[in-house]
Amino acid sequence: MSVSVFDASVGVYSRLLANLEAILDKASAWAVERKIDPAALLHARLAPDMYHLVKQVQITTDMVKGTVSRLAGVEAPRYEDNESSFTELKARVAKTREYLAGFKAEQFTGAETRAIKLQLGPNSFDFVGKDYLLGFGTPNVYFHYSMVYAILRHNGLALGKRDYIG
């Protein structure tokens, strides 16, 4: 069985973003039910030197759209990082899902060998598409998605594997 770059990126990330929306829904409803100030959850972090929940969602969506765009050889859209509520975070996730829905499998022809140059601050990285997807893009997407789950779970939201996997 072979797995296409399209399926391994757009297919996987689309499901993950649907799960993320459901987790954010659950967190928002839980905050209302428990009379918890949503800001307490939105600005929660696992450690003082880690990003808070809002930033973790922003990075998750940025990594998704950036990874898919680079693999398809197109410029990723830029989002303003100005979300301050669960509603705004969900809208950002939905916008990213809509962006992914616009891709066609044909756009990923040759993506596994496509040269990808990534500039992160003063550091420059050169990848081949498959290595970028499997060794950089997807691990980063899952890391930040996992931090969203972990922050909410740490703060008492009843989440389980079914919420994470969907």
C-alpha atoms as a PDB file:
ATOM      1  CA  MET A   1       0.000   0.000   0.000  1.00  0.00           C
ATOM      2  CA  SER A   2       1.311   3.421  -0.836  1.00  0.00           C
ATOM      3  CA  VAL A   3       0.222   6.603   0.898  1.00  0.00           C
ATOM      4  CA  SER A   4       0.234   9.840  -1.044  1.00  0.00           C
ATOM      5  CA  VAL A   5       1.646  13.095   0.301  1.00  0.00           C
ATOM      6  CA  PHE A   6      -1.840  14.568  -0.181  1.00  0.00           C
ATOM      7  CA  ASP A   7      -3.427  11.901   2.040  1.00  0.00           C
ATOM      8  CA  ALA A   8      -0.634  12.094   4.618  1.00  0.00           C
ATOM      9  CA  SER A   9      -0.963  15.859   4.903  1.00  0.00           C
ATOM     10  CA  VAL A  10      -4.362  17.222   3.831  1.00  0.00           C
ATOM     11  CA  GLY A  11      -6.191  14.050   4.822  1.00  0.00           C
ATOM     12  CA  VAL A  12      -4.552  13.687   8.228  1.00  0.00           C
ATOM     13  CA  TYR A  13      -4.583  17.378   9.094  1.00  0.00           C
ATOM     14  CA  SER A  14      -8.229  17.845   8.099  1.00  0.00           C
ATOM     15  CA  ARG A  15      -9.288  15.210  10.608  1.00  0.00           C
ATOM     16  CA  LEU A  16      -6.986  16.610  13.285  1.00  0.00           C
ATOM     17  CA  LEU A  17      -8.452  20.096  12.829  1.00  0.00           C
ATOM     18  CA  ALA A  18     -11.991  18.703  13.114  1.00  0.00           C
ATOM     19  CA  ASN A  19     -10.932  17.107  16.395  1.00  0.00           C
ATOM     20  CA  LEU A  20      -9.382  20.387  17.527  1.00  0.00           C
ATOM     21  CA  GLU A  21     -12.641  22.221  16.847  1.00  0.00           C
ATOM     22  CA  ALA A  22     -14.533  19.652  18.914  1.00  0.00           C
ATOM     23  CA  ILE A  23     -12.024  19.971  21.776  1.00  0.00           C
ATOM     24  CA  LEU A  24     -12.354  23.770  21.722  1.00  0.00           C
ATOM     25  CA  ASP A  25     -16.163  23.416  21.740  1.00  0.00           C
ATOM     26  CA  LYS A  26     -15.940  21.121  24.732  1.00  0.00           C
ATOM     27  CA  ALA A  27     -13.598  23.516  26.557  1.00  0.00           C
ATOM     28  CA  SER A  28     -15.818  26.518  25.875  1.00  0.00           C
ATOM     29  CA  ALA A  29     -18.968  24.739  27.076  1.00  0.00           C
ATOM     30  CA  TRP A  30     -17.145  23.423  30.152  1.00  0.00           C
ATOM     31  CA  ALA A  31     -15.943  26.916  31.091  1.00  0.00           C
ATOM     32  CA  VAL A  32     -19.510  28.245  30.893  1.00  0.00           C
ATOM     33  CA  GLU A  33     -20.934  25.271  32.812  1.00  0.00           C
ATOM     34  CA  ARG A  34     -18.327  25.547  35.581  1.00  0.00           C
ATOM     35  CA  LYS A  35     -18.400  29.368  35.607  1.00  0.00           C
ATOM     36  CA  ILE A  36     -14.691  29.497  34.759  1.00  0.00           C
ATOM     37  CA  ASP A  37     -13.393  32.662  33.159  1.00  0.00           C
ATOM     38  CA  PRO A  38     -12.484  31.520  29.615  1.00  0.00           C
ATOM     39  CA  ALA A  39      -9.362  33.694  29.788  1.00  0.00           C
ATOM     40  CA  ALA A  40      -8.016  31.430  32.536  1.00  0.00           C
ATOM     41  CA  LEU A  41      -8.024  28.527  30.073  1.00  0.00           C
ATOM     42  CA  LEU A  42      -7.017  30.550  27.021  1.00  0.00           C
ATOM     43  CA  HIS A  43      -3.902  31.834  28.783  1.00  0.00           C
ATOM     44  CA  ALA A  44      -3.081  28.598  30.606  1.00  0.00           C
ATOM     45  CA  ARG A  45       0.229  26.909  29.911  1.00  0.00           C
ATOM     46  CA  LEU A  46       1.941  23.776  31.156  1.00  0.00           C
ATOM     47  CA  ALA A  47       5.092  25.573  32.295  1.00  0.00           C
ATOM     48  CA  PRO A  48       6.066  29.231  32.621  1.00  0.00           C
ATOM     49  CA  ASP A  49       8.373  29.056  29.605  1.00  0.00           C
ATOM     50  CA  MET A  50       5.833  27.377  27.298  1.00  0.00           C
ATOM     51  CA  TYR A  51       3.241  28.989  25.046  1.00  0.00           C
ATOM     52  CA  HIS A  52      -0.297  29.408  26.310  1.00  0.00           C
ATOM     53  CA  LEU A  53      -3.336  27.704  24.799  1.00  0.00           C
ATOM     54  CA  VAL A  54      -4.139  30.472  22.300  1.00  0.00           C
ATOM     55  CA  LYS A  55      -0.611  30.426  20.890  1.00  0.00           C
ATOM     56  CA  GLN A  56      -0.624  26.608  20.699  1.00  0.00           C
ATOM     57  CA  VAL A  57      -3.780  26.715  18.551  1.00  0.00           C
ATOM     58  CA  GLN A  58      -2.289  29.458  16.384  1.00  0.00           C
ATOM     59  CA  ILE A  59       0.913  27.487  15.832  1.00  0.00           C
ATOM     60  CA  THR A  60      -1.038  24.303  15.097  1.00  0.00           C
ATOM     61  CA  THR A  61      -2.983  26.031  12.320  1.00  0.00           C
ATOM     62  CA  ASP A  62       0.123  27.824  11.043  1.00  0.00           C
ATOM     63  CA  MET A  63       2.045  24.545  10.846  1.00  0.00           C
ATOM     64  CA  VAL A  64      -0.868  22.848   9.043  1.00  0.00           C
ATOM     65  CA  LYS A  65      -1.280  25.520   6.371  1.00  0.00           C
ATOM     66  CA  GLY A  66       2.469  26.066   6.047  1.00  0.00           C
ATOM     67  CA  THR A  67       3.306  22.387   5.665  1.00  0.00           C
ATOM     68  CA  VAL A  68       0.577  21.726   3.107  1.00  0.00           C
ATOM     69  CA  SER A  69       1.349  24.900   1.165  1.00  0.00           C
ATOM     70  CA  ARG A  70       5.066  24.177   0.932  1.00  0.00           C
ATOM     71  CA  LEU A  71       4.406  20.609  -0.190  1.00  0.00           C
ATOM     72  CA  ALA A  72       2.015  21.873  -2.876  1.00  0.00           C
ATOM     73  CA  GLY A  73       4.446  24.603  -3.930  1.00  0.00           C
ATOM     74  CA  VAL A  74       2.129  27.514  -3.097  1.00  0.00           C
ATOM     75  CA  GLU A  75       2.312  30.465  -0.745  1.00  0.00           C
ATOM     76  CA  ALA A  76       0.499  29.947   2.568  1.00  0.00           C
ATOM     77  CA  PRO A  77      -2.051  32.536   3.667  1.00  0.00           C
ATOM     78  CA  ARG A  78      -1.046  34.692   6.613  1.00  0.00           C
ATOM     79  CA  TYR A  79      -3.313  35.024   9.617  1.00  0.00           C
ATOM     80  CA  GLU A  80      -3.212  37.785  12.186  1.00  0.00           C
ATOM     81  CA  ASP A  81      -2.546  36.234  15.564  1.00  0.00           C
ATOM     82  CA  ASN A  82      -5.240  38.228  17.337  1.00  0.00           C
ATOM     83  CA  GLU A  83      -7.610  35.561  18.658  1.00  0.00           C
ATOM     84  CA  SER A  84      -8.757  36.099  22.236  1.00  0.00           C
ATOM     85  CA  SER A  85     -11.769  33.784  22.654  1.00  0.00           C
ATOM     86  CA  PHE A  86     -12.781  30.213  22.005  1.00  0.00           C
ATOM     87  CA  THR A  87     -15.102  31.475  19.256  1.00  0.00           C
ATOM     88  CA  GLU A  88     -12.233  33.237  17.488  1.00  0.00           C
ATOM     89  CA  LEU A  89      -9.953  30.218  17.841  1.00  0.00           C
ATOM     90  CA  LYS A  90     -12.637  27.970  16.377  1.00  0.00           C
ATOM     91  CA  ALA A  91     -13.057  30.395  13.472  1.00  0.00           C
ATOM     92  CA  ARG A  92      -9.309  30.212  12.830  1.00  0.00           C
ATOM     93  CA  VAL A  93      -9.409  26.415  12.829  1.00  0.00           C
ATOM     94  CA  ALA A  94     -12.454  26.441  10.518  1.00  0.00           C
ATOM     95  CA  LYS A  95     -10.696  28.857   8.141  1.00  0.00           C
ATOM     96  CA  THR A  96      -7.718  26.491   8.032  1.00  0.00           C
ATOM     97  CA  ARG A  97      -9.987  23.511   7.331  1.00  0.00           C
ATOM     98  CA  GLU A  98     -11.588  25.464   4.469  1.00  0.00           C
ATOM     99  CA  TYR A  99      -8.131  26.268   3.120  1.00  0.00           C
ATOM    100  CA  LEU A 100      -7.190  22.583   3.141  1.00  0.00           C
ATOM    101  CA  ALA A 101     -10.454  21.659   1.408  1.00  0.00           C
ATOM    102  CA  GLY A 102      -9.346  23.738  -1.587  1.00  0.00           C
ATOM    103  CA  PHE A 103      -6.364  21.506  -2.351  1.00  0.00           C
ATOM    104  CA  LYS A 104      -6.484  18.771  -4.982  1.00  0.00           C
ATOM    105  CA  ALA A 105      -4.340  15.647  -4.985  1.00  0.00           C
ATOM    106  CA  GLU A 106      -2.764  16.701  -8.310  1.00  0.00           C
ATOM    107  CA  GLN A 107      -1.128  19.687  -6.617  1.00  0.00           C
ATOM    108  CA  PHE A 108       1.076  17.251  -4.707  1.00  0.00           C
ATOM    109  CA  THR A 109       2.510  15.462  -7.717  1.00  0.00           C
ATOM    110  CA  GLY A 110       6.252  15.281  -7.083  1.00  0.00           C
ATOM    111  CA  ALA A 111       5.877  16.709  -3.575  1.00  0.00           C
ATOM    112  CA  GLU A 112       7.879  13.891  -1.999  1.00  0.00           C
ATOM    113  CA  THR A 113      10.997  15.100  -3.837  1.00  0.00           C
ATOM    114  CA  ARG A 114      10.194  18.834  -3.919  1.00  0.00           C
ATOM    115  CA  ALA A 115      12.980  21.019  -2.520  1.00  0.00           C
ATOM    116  CA  ILE A 116      11.746  22.976   0.486  1.00  0.00           C
ATOM    117  CA  LYS A 117      13.778  25.768   2.035  1.00  0.00           C
ATOM    118  CA  LEU A 118      12.620  26.946   5.432  1.00  0.00           C
ATOM    119  CA  GLN A 119      13.872  30.100   7.122  1.00  0.00           C
ATOM    120  CA  LEU A 120      13.354  30.167  10.896  1.00  0.00           C
ATOM    121  CA  GLY A 121      14.858  33.319  12.272  1.00  0.00           C
ATOM    122  CA  PRO A 122      18.557  33.315  11.420  1.00  0.00           C
ATOM    123  CA  ASN A 123      18.511  29.582  10.638  1.00  0.00           C
ATOM    124  CA  SER A 124      17.902  28.155   7.193  1.00  0.00           C
ATOM    125  CA  PHE A 125      16.878  24.541   6.605  1.00  0.00           C
ATOM    126  CA  ASP A 126      16.799  22.589   3.350  1.00  0.00           C
ATOM    127  CA  PHE A 127      14.446  19.635   3.060  1.00  0.00           C
ATOM    128  CA  VAL A 128      13.182  17.196   0.491  1.00  0.00           C
ATOM    129  CA  GLY A 129       9.367  17.056   0.579  1.00  0.00           C
ATOM    130  CA  LYS A 130       8.956  13.622   2.141  1.00  0.00           C
ATOM    131  CA  ASP A 131      11.510  14.357   4.851  1.00  0.00           C
ATOM    132  CA  TYR A 132       9.916  17.738   5.515  1.00  0.00           C
ATOM    133  CA  LEU A 133       6.456  16.180   5.879  1.00  0.00           C
ATOM    134  CA  LEU A 134       7.492  13.231   8.026  1.00  0.00           C
ATOM    135  CA  GLY A 135      10.365  14.729  10.002  1.00  0.00           C
ATOM    136  CA  PHE A 136       9.373  18.355  10.516  1.00  0.00           C
ATOM    137  CA  GLY A 137       5.848  19.368   9.482  1.00  0.00           C
ATOM    138  CA  THR A 138       3.796  16.547  10.941  1.00  0.00           C
ATOM    139  CA  PRO A 139       5.760  16.239  14.205  1.00  0.00           C
ATOM    140  CA  ASN A 140       5.323  19.983  14.768  1.00  0.00           C
ATOM    141  CA  VAL A 141       1.605  19.851  14.008  1.00  0.00           C
ATOM    142  CA  TYR A 142       1.115  17.013  16.470  1.00  0.00           C
ATOM    143  CA  PHE A 143       3.312  18.600  19.129  1.00  0.00           C
ATOM    144  CA  HIS A 144       1.298  21.822  19.268  1.00  0.00           C
ATOM    145  CA  TYR A 145      -2.032  19.987  18.925  1.00  0.00           C
ATOM    146  CA  SER A 146      -0.964  17.755  21.834  1.00  0.00           C
ATOM    147  CA  MET A 147      -0.135  20.815  23.920  1.00  0.00           C
ATOM    148  CA  VAL A 148      -3.684  22.135  23.429  1.00  0.00           C
ATOM    149  CA  TYR A 149      -5.020  18.799  24.670  1.00  0.00           C
ATOM    150  CA  ALA A 150      -2.532  18.666  27.566  1.00  0.00           C
ATOM    151  CA  ILE A 151      -3.201  22.233  28.739  1.00  0.00           C
ATOM    152  CA  LEU A 152      -6.945  21.659  28.824  1.00  0.00           C
ATOM    153  CA  ARG A 153      -6.626  18.241  30.445  1.00  0.00           C
ATOM    154  CA  HIS A 154      -4.197  19.641  33.024  1.00  0.00           C
ATOM    155  CA  ASN A 155      -6.767  22.296  33.898  1.00  0.00           C
ATOM    156  CA  GLY A 156      -9.449  19.695  34.560  1.00  0.00           C
ATOM    157  CA  LEU A 157     -11.344  19.325  31.307  1.00  0.00           C
ATOM    158  CA  ALA A 158     -12.436  15.709  30.917  1.00  0.00           C
ATOM    159  CA  LEU A 159     -10.749  14.730  27.667  1.00  0.00           C
ATOM    160  CA  GLY A 160      -9.664  11.303  26.557  1.00  0.00           C
ATOM    161  CA  LYS A 161      -8.112   9.453  23.686  1.00  0.00           C
ATOM    162  CA  ARG A 162     -11.418   9.512  21.807  1.00  0.00           C
ATOM    163  CA  ASP A 163     -11.360  13.341  21.853  1.00  0.00           C
ATOM    164  CA  TYR A 164      -7.753  13.414  20.684  1.00  0.00           C
ATOM    165  CA  ILE A 165      -8.114  10.853  17.896  1.00  0.00           C
ATOM    166  CA  GLY A 166     -11.695  11.706  16.973  1.00  0.00           C
END
